[in-house]
Amino acid sequence: MATTNNDATKVTAGKPMTGGAIFTAPLGTTLPTSVSASLAAAFENVGYISDAGVVNSNTASNTAVKAWGGDTVLDVQTEKPDTFKFTMIEAKNVNALKLVYGSENVSGTLSSGITINANSKEQAAGCLVIDMLLSNNTAKRIVIPNGKVTAVGDITYSDGAAVGYETTISCYPDSNGNTHYEYIKETTVSQ
């Protein structure tokens, strides 16, 4: 019988990496396959994320098959959605705005003036990378090869809170059938 001792050094929290945590790029951009691989030049930082962090929902839904008499004899998986939810709080960041409204609907820069066209055009899918630092100098990278914005929460403008874009990304299978990848490795990076 294998024995494993509890190890408090493996309990962790997730903090954003200094310099950015969530990056987006067009679908088909070369993806990193490790924590330490450099991101392709096409990846853009969406800026600060609210202190709620990133929430990943990746739970299967099942339908119970019952036999005559009421016994459950089989559970059939009907779906297994994989989503990531976060709130971007850099309301003046062009990259964040492009993720929310679609890159073709946002033009300009903050200094020259930003124009946003809000419309019902379907959002294009893209790639996302989420970089974080876990406890004890351990890096974690989540790579979403094919993700699309499928929900944006209410946007509140008030004098008591940061303007935020609560964004839900739905992940779709790549050519290997995977909706996202996770890479974890000890590192010398500390924050």
Protein backbone atom coordinates (compact mmCIF):
# COMPACT_ATOMS: atom_id res chain seq x y z
CA MET A 1 0.00 0.00 0.00
CA ALA A 2 1.36 3.39 -1.01
CA THR A 3 1.60 6.00 1.71
CA THR A 4 1.71 9.72 1.22
CA ASN A 5 2.32 12.24 3.95
CA ASN A 6 0.46 15.50 4.01
CA ASP A 7 2.65 18.36 2.75
CA ALA A 8 1.71 21.95 3.60
CA THR A 9 4.21 23.24 1.02
CA LYS A 10 1.90 21.91 -1.69
CA VAL A 11 -1.06 24.02 -0.50
CA THR A 12 -1.20 27.15 -2.63
CA ALA A 13 -2.94 30.32 -3.69
CA GLY A 14 -2.70 31.87 -7.15
CA LYS A 15 -1.39 35.39 -7.75
CA PRO A 16 -0.98 37.14 -11.10
CA MET A 17 2.50 37.39 -12.52
CA THR A 18 4.09 40.83 -12.39
CA GLY A 19 3.67 42.48 -15.76
CA GLY A 20 0.44 40.73 -16.67
CA ALA A 21 -1.61 37.62 -16.14
CA ILE A 22 -4.06 37.28 -19.03
CA PHE A 23 -2.98 37.57 -22.64
CA THR A 24 -4.99 37.18 -25.85
CA ALA A 25 -4.00 36.47 -29.44
CA PRO A 26 -5.75 35.58 -32.70
CA LEU A 27 -6.80 31.97 -33.27
CA GLY A 28 -3.92 29.98 -34.77
CA THR A 29 -1.15 31.88 -32.95
CA THR A 30 1.75 29.65 -31.87
CA LEU A 31 1.03 28.53 -28.32
CA PRO A 32 3.52 28.04 -25.47
CA THR A 33 3.93 24.44 -24.29
CA SER A 34 5.58 25.17 -20.95
CA VAL A 35 5.61 27.69 -18.12
CA SER A 36 8.88 29.22 -19.28
CA ALA A 37 8.25 29.41 -23.05
CA SER A 38 8.09 32.96 -24.40
CA LEU A 39 4.76 34.15 -25.70
CA ALA A 40 4.46 34.87 -29.41
CA ALA A 41 4.51 38.57 -30.31
CA ALA A 42 0.79 38.45 -31.18
CA PHE A 43 -0.22 38.03 -27.51
CA GLU A 44 -1.57 41.22 -25.89
CA ASN A 45 -1.99 41.90 -22.15
CA VAL A 46 -5.57 42.76 -21.04
CA GLY A 47 -4.33 44.47 -17.86
CA TYR A 48 -5.36 44.23 -14.25
CA ILE A 49 -7.95 41.66 -13.18
CA SER A 50 -10.20 42.24 -10.15
CA ASP A 51 -9.27 40.69 -6.82
CA ALA A 52 -11.80 37.90 -7.45
CA GLY A 53 -9.14 36.40 -9.74
CA VAL A 54 -9.96 33.79 -12.37
CA VAL A 55 -12.65 31.13 -11.94
CA ASN A 56 -12.50 27.94 -14.03
CA SER A 57 -15.67 25.85 -14.32
CA ASN A 58 -15.00 22.44 -15.84
CA THR A 59 -17.70 20.10 -14.58
CA ALA A 60 -19.51 17.42 -16.54
CA SER A 61 -23.28 17.16 -16.68
CA ASN A 62 -24.79 13.69 -16.61
CA THR A 63 -28.15 12.11 -17.28
CA ALA A 64 -29.14 9.14 -15.17
CA VAL A 65 -30.52 6.10 -17.01
CA LYS A 66 -33.01 4.24 -14.87
CA ALA A 67 -34.19 0.67 -15.12
CA TRP A 68 -37.71 -0.48 -14.63
CA GLY A 69 -38.30 -0.28 -10.92
CA GLY A 70 -36.28 2.92 -10.46
CA ASP A 71 -32.68 1.73 -10.06
CA THR A 72 -30.09 4.01 -11.65
CA VAL A 73 -28.06 1.71 -13.88
CA LEU A 74 -25.99 4.16 -15.91
CA ASP A 75 -24.91 7.78 -15.93
CA VAL A 76 -24.34 9.23 -19.41
CA GLN A 77 -22.20 12.34 -19.75
CA THR A 78 -24.21 14.84 -21.79
CA GLU A 79 -21.76 17.76 -21.76
CA LYS A 80 -18.58 19.01 -20.14
CA PRO A 81 -18.32 22.77 -20.61
CA ASP A 82 -14.98 24.40 -19.81
CA THR A 83 -15.20 28.13 -19.02
CA PHE A 84 -13.01 30.80 -17.45
CA LYS A 85 -14.53 33.88 -15.81
CA PHE A 86 -12.70 37.04 -14.74
CA THR A 87 -13.31 40.77 -14.46
CA MET A 88 -10.98 43.12 -16.32
CA ILE A 89 -10.68 46.45 -14.48
CA GLU A 90 -8.50 48.44 -16.89
CA ALA A 91 -11.49 50.08 -18.60
CA LYS A 92 -9.17 52.24 -20.72
CA ASN A 93 -7.01 49.30 -21.95
CA VAL A 94 -7.58 48.83 -25.72
CA ASN A 95 -6.72 45.11 -25.49
CA ALA A 96 -9.37 44.56 -22.79
CA LEU A 97 -11.92 46.50 -24.82
CA LYS A 98 -11.14 44.42 -27.91
CA LEU A 99 -11.74 41.23 -25.94
CA VAL A 100 -15.13 42.53 -24.74
CA TYR A 101 -16.41 44.13 -27.96
CA GLY A 102 -14.41 42.29 -30.65
CA SER A 103 -11.16 43.53 -32.17
CA GLU A 104 -12.90 44.77 -35.33
CA ASN A 105 -15.18 46.97 -33.18
CA VAL A 106 -12.46 48.88 -31.30
CA SER A 107 -10.07 51.33 -32.94
CA GLY A 108 -7.63 54.03 -31.91
CA THR A 109 -5.50 54.61 -28.86
CA LEU A 110 -6.14 56.39 -25.59
CA SER A 111 -4.04 59.38 -26.70
CA SER A 112 -5.64 59.67 -30.16
CA GLY A 113 -9.11 58.62 -29.02
CA ILE A 114 -10.73 55.19 -28.79
CA THR A 115 -13.88 54.37 -30.75
CA ILE A 116 -16.04 51.38 -29.78
CA ASN A 117 -18.82 50.05 -31.99
CA ALA A 118 -21.23 48.03 -29.83
CA ASN A 119 -23.23 45.69 -32.06
CA SER A 120 -24.53 42.15 -32.40
CA LYS A 121 -21.73 40.82 -34.62
CA GLU A 122 -20.56 37.42 -33.46
CA GLN A 123 -17.25 37.47 -31.61
CA ALA A 124 -14.28 35.72 -33.18
CA ALA A 125 -12.53 32.94 -31.25
CA GLY A 126 -8.95 33.40 -30.14
CA CYS A 127 -6.18 32.04 -27.92
CA LEU A 128 -5.63 32.97 -24.29
CA VAL A 129 -2.81 32.46 -21.82
CA ILE A 130 -3.22 32.92 -18.07
CA ASP A 131 0.04 33.21 -16.11
CA MET A 132 0.19 33.05 -12.33
CA LEU A 133 2.55 32.44 -9.48
CA LEU A 134 1.60 29.82 -6.91
CA SER A 135 3.04 29.63 -3.40
CA ASN A 136 6.70 28.75 -2.87
CA ASN A 137 7.92 30.13 -6.22
CA THR A 138 5.92 27.81 -8.44
CA ALA A 139 4.69 29.13 -11.78
CA LYS A 140 1.46 28.02 -13.43
CA ARG A 141 0.38 28.70 -16.98
CA ILE A 142 -3.05 27.93 -18.44
CA VAL A 143 -3.22 27.87 -22.24
CA ILE A 144 -6.58 28.07 -24.02
CA PRO A 145 -6.04 27.23 -27.70
CA ASN A 146 -9.59 28.06 -28.82
CA GLY A 147 -11.67 30.34 -26.61
CA LYS A 148 -14.46 32.78 -27.24
CA VAL A 149 -16.22 35.44 -25.18
CA THR A 150 -19.71 34.06 -24.54
CA ALA A 151 -20.88 36.41 -21.77
CA VAL A 152 -20.12 39.88 -20.47
CA GLY A 153 -21.69 40.96 -17.20
CA ASP A 154 -23.39 44.26 -16.51
CA ILE A 155 -21.00 47.21 -16.74
CA THR A 156 -21.48 49.64 -13.85
CA TYR A 157 -20.23 53.23 -13.92
CA SER A 158 -20.18 54.69 -10.40
CA ASP A 159 -17.96 56.87 -8.28
CA GLY A 160 -17.41 54.14 -5.70
CA ALA A 161 -15.98 51.26 -7.74
CA ALA A 162 -13.70 50.53 -10.68
CA VAL A 163 -15.40 50.04 -14.03
CA GLY A 164 -15.12 46.34 -14.75
CA TYR A 165 -15.84 43.94 -17.57
CA GLU A 166 -16.91 40.58 -16.13
CA THR A 167 -16.02 38.25 -18.98
CA THR A 168 -16.74 34.57 -19.53
CA ILE A 169 -14.58 32.63 -21.98
CA SER A 170 -15.94 29.34 -23.33
CA CYS A 171 -13.22 26.89 -24.37
CA TYR A 172 -13.57 24.61 -27.37
CA PRO A 173 -11.59 21.44 -28.21
CA ASP A 174 -8.41 21.77 -30.26
CA SER A 175 -7.27 19.16 -32.79
CA ASN A 176 -6.30 16.89 -29.87
CA GLY A 177 -9.71 17.24 -28.20
CA ASN A 178 -8.36 19.38 -25.33
CA THR A 179 -10.11 22.56 -24.21
CA HIS A 180 -7.18 23.92 -22.21
CA TYR A 181 -3.70 22.96 -20.99
CA GLU A 182 -2.06 23.57 -17.62
CA TYR A 183 1.68 23.74 -16.99
CA ILE A 184 3.14 23.92 -13.46
CA LYS A 185 6.82 24.16 -12.51
CA GLU A 186 9.02 25.42 -9.69
CA THR A 187 10.74 28.63 -10.70
CA THR A 188 13.18 31.21 -9.41
CA VAL A 189 10.62 33.96 -10.01
CA SER A 190 9.24 35.46 -6.82
CA GLN A 191 6.76 38.23 -6.11
